[in-house]
Amino acid sequence: MPAARDDYLLRLIQEAAVALRRFRSRLGGGEAPDDVSRDASVAIGTLLGPQRPLLERLDGWSAANLLGDPERVHLWSELLQLQSDAERVSGRITNADALGARSAELAKCGKPLAS
């Protein structure tokens, strides 16, 4: 069964990475930032699954540790940064700063440990 779980996670990560590139292109192409942010939120929900409410309430280290996959943590961080960028474009600087800080925290905590 672990192989099936690994395959599922790999597909999930690949899909999230493709979506992230598409969302960045849309934001850079002038699409409404709120639309891009909303779609990024949906992608985060898919990436995190049913643990999302819990993961969003934890500090970065605990969330990254519970999620357990550095690549998923990295993509979550990147999607949050995209939302931060969309908020900044919309002029909501306080929200942008909060999302950017969470993104940076996760990026720092989600790095794989050196062996």
C-alpha atoms as a PDB file:
ATOM      1  CA  MET A   1       0.000   0.000   0.000  1.00  0.00           C
ATOM      2  CA  PRO A   2       2.844   2.487   0.580  1.00  0.00           C
ATOM      3  CA  ALA A   3       3.628   2.438  -3.157  1.00  0.00           C
ATOM      4  CA  ALA A   4       0.061   3.472  -3.976  1.00  0.00           C
ATOM      5  CA  ARG A   5       0.292   6.305  -1.431  1.00  0.00           C
ATOM      6  CA  ASP A   6       3.625   7.403  -2.871  1.00  0.00           C
ATOM      7  CA  ASP A   7       2.172   7.414  -6.398  1.00  0.00           C
ATOM      8  CA  TYR A   8      -0.795   9.456  -5.209  1.00  0.00           C
ATOM      9  CA  LEU A   9       1.460  11.992  -3.463  1.00  0.00           C
ATOM     10  CA  LEU A  10       3.718  12.259  -6.500  1.00  0.00           C
ATOM     11  CA  ARG A  11       0.733  12.988  -8.764  1.00  0.00           C
ATOM     12  CA  LEU A  12      -0.622  15.472  -6.238  1.00  0.00           C
ATOM     13  CA  ILE A  13       2.716  17.288  -6.090  1.00  0.00           C
ATOM     14  CA  GLN A  14       3.062  17.341  -9.865  1.00  0.00           C
ATOM     15  CA  GLU A  15      -0.456  18.721 -10.304  1.00  0.00           C
ATOM     16  CA  ALA A  16       0.141  21.415  -7.700  1.00  0.00           C
ATOM     17  CA  ALA A  17       3.407  22.438  -9.372  1.00  0.00           C
ATOM     18  CA  VAL A  18       1.680  22.754 -12.753  1.00  0.00           C
ATOM     19  CA  ALA A  19      -1.153  24.755 -11.180  1.00  0.00           C
ATOM     20  CA  LEU A  20       1.324  27.069  -9.450  1.00  0.00           C
ATOM     21  CA  ARG A  21       3.045  27.885 -12.762  1.00  0.00           C
ATOM     22  CA  ARG A  22      -0.343  28.487 -14.391  1.00  0.00           C
ATOM     23  CA  PHE A  23      -1.490  30.755 -11.549  1.00  0.00           C
ATOM     24  CA  ARG A  24       1.740  32.784 -11.679  1.00  0.00           C
ATOM     25  CA  SER A  25       1.264  33.243 -15.413  1.00  0.00           C
ATOM     26  CA  ARG A  26      -2.318  34.364 -14.917  1.00  0.00           C
ATOM     27  CA  LEU A  27      -1.347  36.879 -12.227  1.00  0.00           C
ATOM     28  CA  GLY A  28       1.476  38.216 -14.395  1.00  0.00           C
ATOM     29  CA  GLY A  29      -0.885  38.346 -17.368  1.00  0.00           C
ATOM     30  CA  GLY A  30      -3.220  40.770 -15.660  1.00  0.00           C
ATOM     31  CA  GLU A  31      -5.966  38.427 -14.516  1.00  0.00           C
ATOM     32  CA  ALA A  32      -7.939  39.585 -11.491  1.00  0.00           C
ATOM     33  CA  PRO A  33      -5.780  38.922  -8.426  1.00  0.00           C
ATOM     34  CA  ASP A  34      -8.787  37.776  -6.399  1.00  0.00           C
ATOM     35  CA  ASP A  35      -9.520  35.056  -8.963  1.00  0.00           C
ATOM     36  CA  VAL A  36      -5.927  33.834  -8.907  1.00  0.00           C
ATOM     37  CA  SER A  37      -5.837  33.881  -5.099  1.00  0.00           C
ATOM     38  CA  ARG A  38      -9.100  31.945  -4.886  1.00  0.00           C
ATOM     39  CA  ASP A  39      -7.787  29.293  -7.275  1.00  0.00           C
ATOM     40  CA  ALA A  40      -4.539  29.072  -5.290  1.00  0.00           C
ATOM     41  CA  SER A  41      -6.616  28.511  -2.153  1.00  0.00           C
ATOM     42  CA  VAL A  42      -8.406  25.614  -3.851  1.00  0.00           C
ATOM     43  CA  ALA A  43      -5.021  24.159  -4.838  1.00  0.00           C
ATOM     44  CA  ILE A  44      -3.829  24.477  -1.232  1.00  0.00           C
ATOM     45  CA  GLY A  45      -6.927  22.608  -0.102  1.00  0.00           C
ATOM     46  CA  THR A  46      -6.196  19.815  -2.540  1.00  0.00           C
ATOM     47  CA  LEU A  47      -2.530  19.714  -1.545  1.00  0.00           C
ATOM     48  CA  LEU A  48      -3.206  19.595   2.200  1.00  0.00           C
ATOM     49  CA  GLY A  49      -6.366  17.522   2.113  1.00  0.00           C
ATOM     50  CA  PRO A  50      -8.574  17.129   5.163  1.00  0.00           C
ATOM     51  CA  GLN A  51      -5.751  18.199   7.487  1.00  0.00           C
ATOM     52  CA  ARG A  52      -5.850  21.740   6.094  1.00  0.00           C
ATOM     53  CA  PRO A  53      -7.743  23.374   8.981  1.00  0.00           C
ATOM     54  CA  LEU A  54      -5.330  21.904  11.499  1.00  0.00           C
ATOM     55  CA  LEU A  55      -2.194  22.626   9.455  1.00  0.00           C
ATOM     56  CA  GLU A  56      -3.194  26.259   8.971  1.00  0.00           C
ATOM     57  CA  ARG A  57      -3.493  26.760  12.745  1.00  0.00           C
ATOM     58  CA  LEU A  58      -0.117  25.282  13.624  1.00  0.00           C
ATOM     59  CA  ASP A  59       3.198  27.104  13.649  1.00  0.00           C
ATOM     60  CA  GLY A  60       5.342  26.492  10.575  1.00  0.00           C
ATOM     61  CA  TRP A  61       7.635  23.895  12.132  1.00  0.00           C
ATOM     62  CA  SER A  62       4.747  21.835  13.536  1.00  0.00           C
ATOM     63  CA  ALA A  63       2.767  22.073  10.284  1.00  0.00           C
ATOM     64  CA  ALA A  64       5.769  21.047   8.179  1.00  0.00           C
ATOM     65  CA  ASN A  65       6.552  18.206  10.568  1.00  0.00           C
ATOM     66  CA  LEU A  66       2.970  16.925  10.540  1.00  0.00           C
ATOM     67  CA  LEU A  67       2.700  17.199   6.759  1.00  0.00           C
ATOM     68  CA  GLY A  68       5.913  15.215   6.576  1.00  0.00           C
ATOM     69  CA  ASP A  69       6.779  15.771   2.912  1.00  0.00           C
ATOM     70  CA  PRO A  70       9.231  18.599   2.158  1.00  0.00           C
ATOM     71  CA  GLU A  71       7.992  18.918  -1.414  1.00  0.00           C
ATOM     72  CA  ARG A  72       4.386  19.418  -0.297  1.00  0.00           C
ATOM     73  CA  VAL A  73       5.545  21.968   2.282  1.00  0.00           C
ATOM     74  CA  HIS A  74       7.504  23.773  -0.444  1.00  0.00           C
ATOM     75  CA  LEU A  75       4.505  23.910  -2.781  1.00  0.00           C
ATOM     76  CA  TRP A  76       2.249  25.091   0.034  1.00  0.00           C
ATOM     77  CA  SER A  77       4.763  27.839   0.746  1.00  0.00           C
ATOM     78  CA  GLU A  78       4.888  28.822  -2.936  1.00  0.00           C
ATOM     79  CA  LEU A  79       1.085  28.915  -3.214  1.00  0.00           C
ATOM     80  CA  LEU A  80       0.921  31.131  -0.130  1.00  0.00           C
ATOM     81  CA  GLN A  81       3.527  33.423  -1.679  1.00  0.00           C
ATOM     82  CA  LEU A  82       1.402  33.626  -4.807  1.00  0.00           C
ATOM     83  CA  GLN A  83      -1.567  34.620  -2.661  1.00  0.00           C
ATOM     84  CA  SER A  84       0.645  37.213  -0.980  1.00  0.00           C
ATOM     85  CA  ASP A  85       1.598  38.615  -4.370  1.00  0.00           C
ATOM     86  CA  ALA A  86      -2.063  38.748  -5.410  1.00  0.00           C
ATOM     87  CA  GLU A  87      -2.968  40.580  -2.209  1.00  0.00           C
ATOM     88  CA  ARG A  88      -0.146  43.065  -2.806  1.00  0.00           C
ATOM     89  CA  VAL A  89      -1.378  43.715  -6.362  1.00  0.00           C
ATOM     90  CA  SER A  90      -4.835  44.356  -4.905  1.00  0.00           C
ATOM     91  CA  GLY A  91      -3.401  46.859  -2.435  1.00  0.00           C
ATOM     92  CA  ARG A  92      -4.060  44.735   0.647  1.00  0.00           C
ATOM     93  CA  ILE A  93      -0.566  45.108   2.052  1.00  0.00           C
ATOM     94  CA  THR A  94      -1.302  43.860   5.574  1.00  0.00           C
ATOM     95  CA  ASN A  95      -2.759  40.611   4.226  1.00  0.00           C
ATOM     96  CA  ALA A  96       0.102  40.330   1.747  1.00  0.00           C
ATOM     97  CA  ASP A  97       2.656  40.702   4.526  1.00  0.00           C
ATOM     98  CA  ALA A  98       0.944  38.073   6.700  1.00  0.00           C
ATOM     99  CA  LEU A  99       0.765  35.566   3.849  1.00  0.00           C
ATOM    100  CA  GLY A 100       4.354  36.304   2.875  1.00  0.00           C
ATOM    101  CA  ALA A 101       5.533  35.744   6.446  1.00  0.00           C
ATOM    102  CA  ARG A 102       3.700  32.404   6.650  1.00  0.00           C
ATOM    103  CA  SER A 103       5.162  31.406   3.298  1.00  0.00           C
ATOM    104  CA  ALA A 104       8.685  32.247   4.460  1.00  0.00           C
ATOM    105  CA  GLU A 105       8.175  30.383   7.735  1.00  0.00           C
ATOM    106  CA  LEU A 106       7.045  27.254   5.921  1.00  0.00           C
ATOM    107  CA  ALA A 107       9.855  27.524   3.382  1.00  0.00           C
ATOM    108  CA  LYS A 108      12.379  27.632   6.195  1.00  0.00           C
ATOM    109  CA  CYS A 109      10.790  24.757   8.124  1.00  0.00           C
ATOM    110  CA  GLY A 110      10.045  22.571   5.122  1.00  0.00           C
ATOM    111  CA  LYS A 111      13.630  22.093   4.010  1.00  0.00           C
ATOM    112  CA  PRO A 112      14.726  18.471   4.197  1.00  0.00           C
ATOM    113  CA  LEU A 113      17.263  17.746   6.908  1.00  0.00           C
ATOM    114  CA  ALA A 114      20.821  17.118   5.734  1.00  0.00           C
ATOM    115  CA  SER A 115      21.921  13.550   6.316  1.00  0.00           C
END
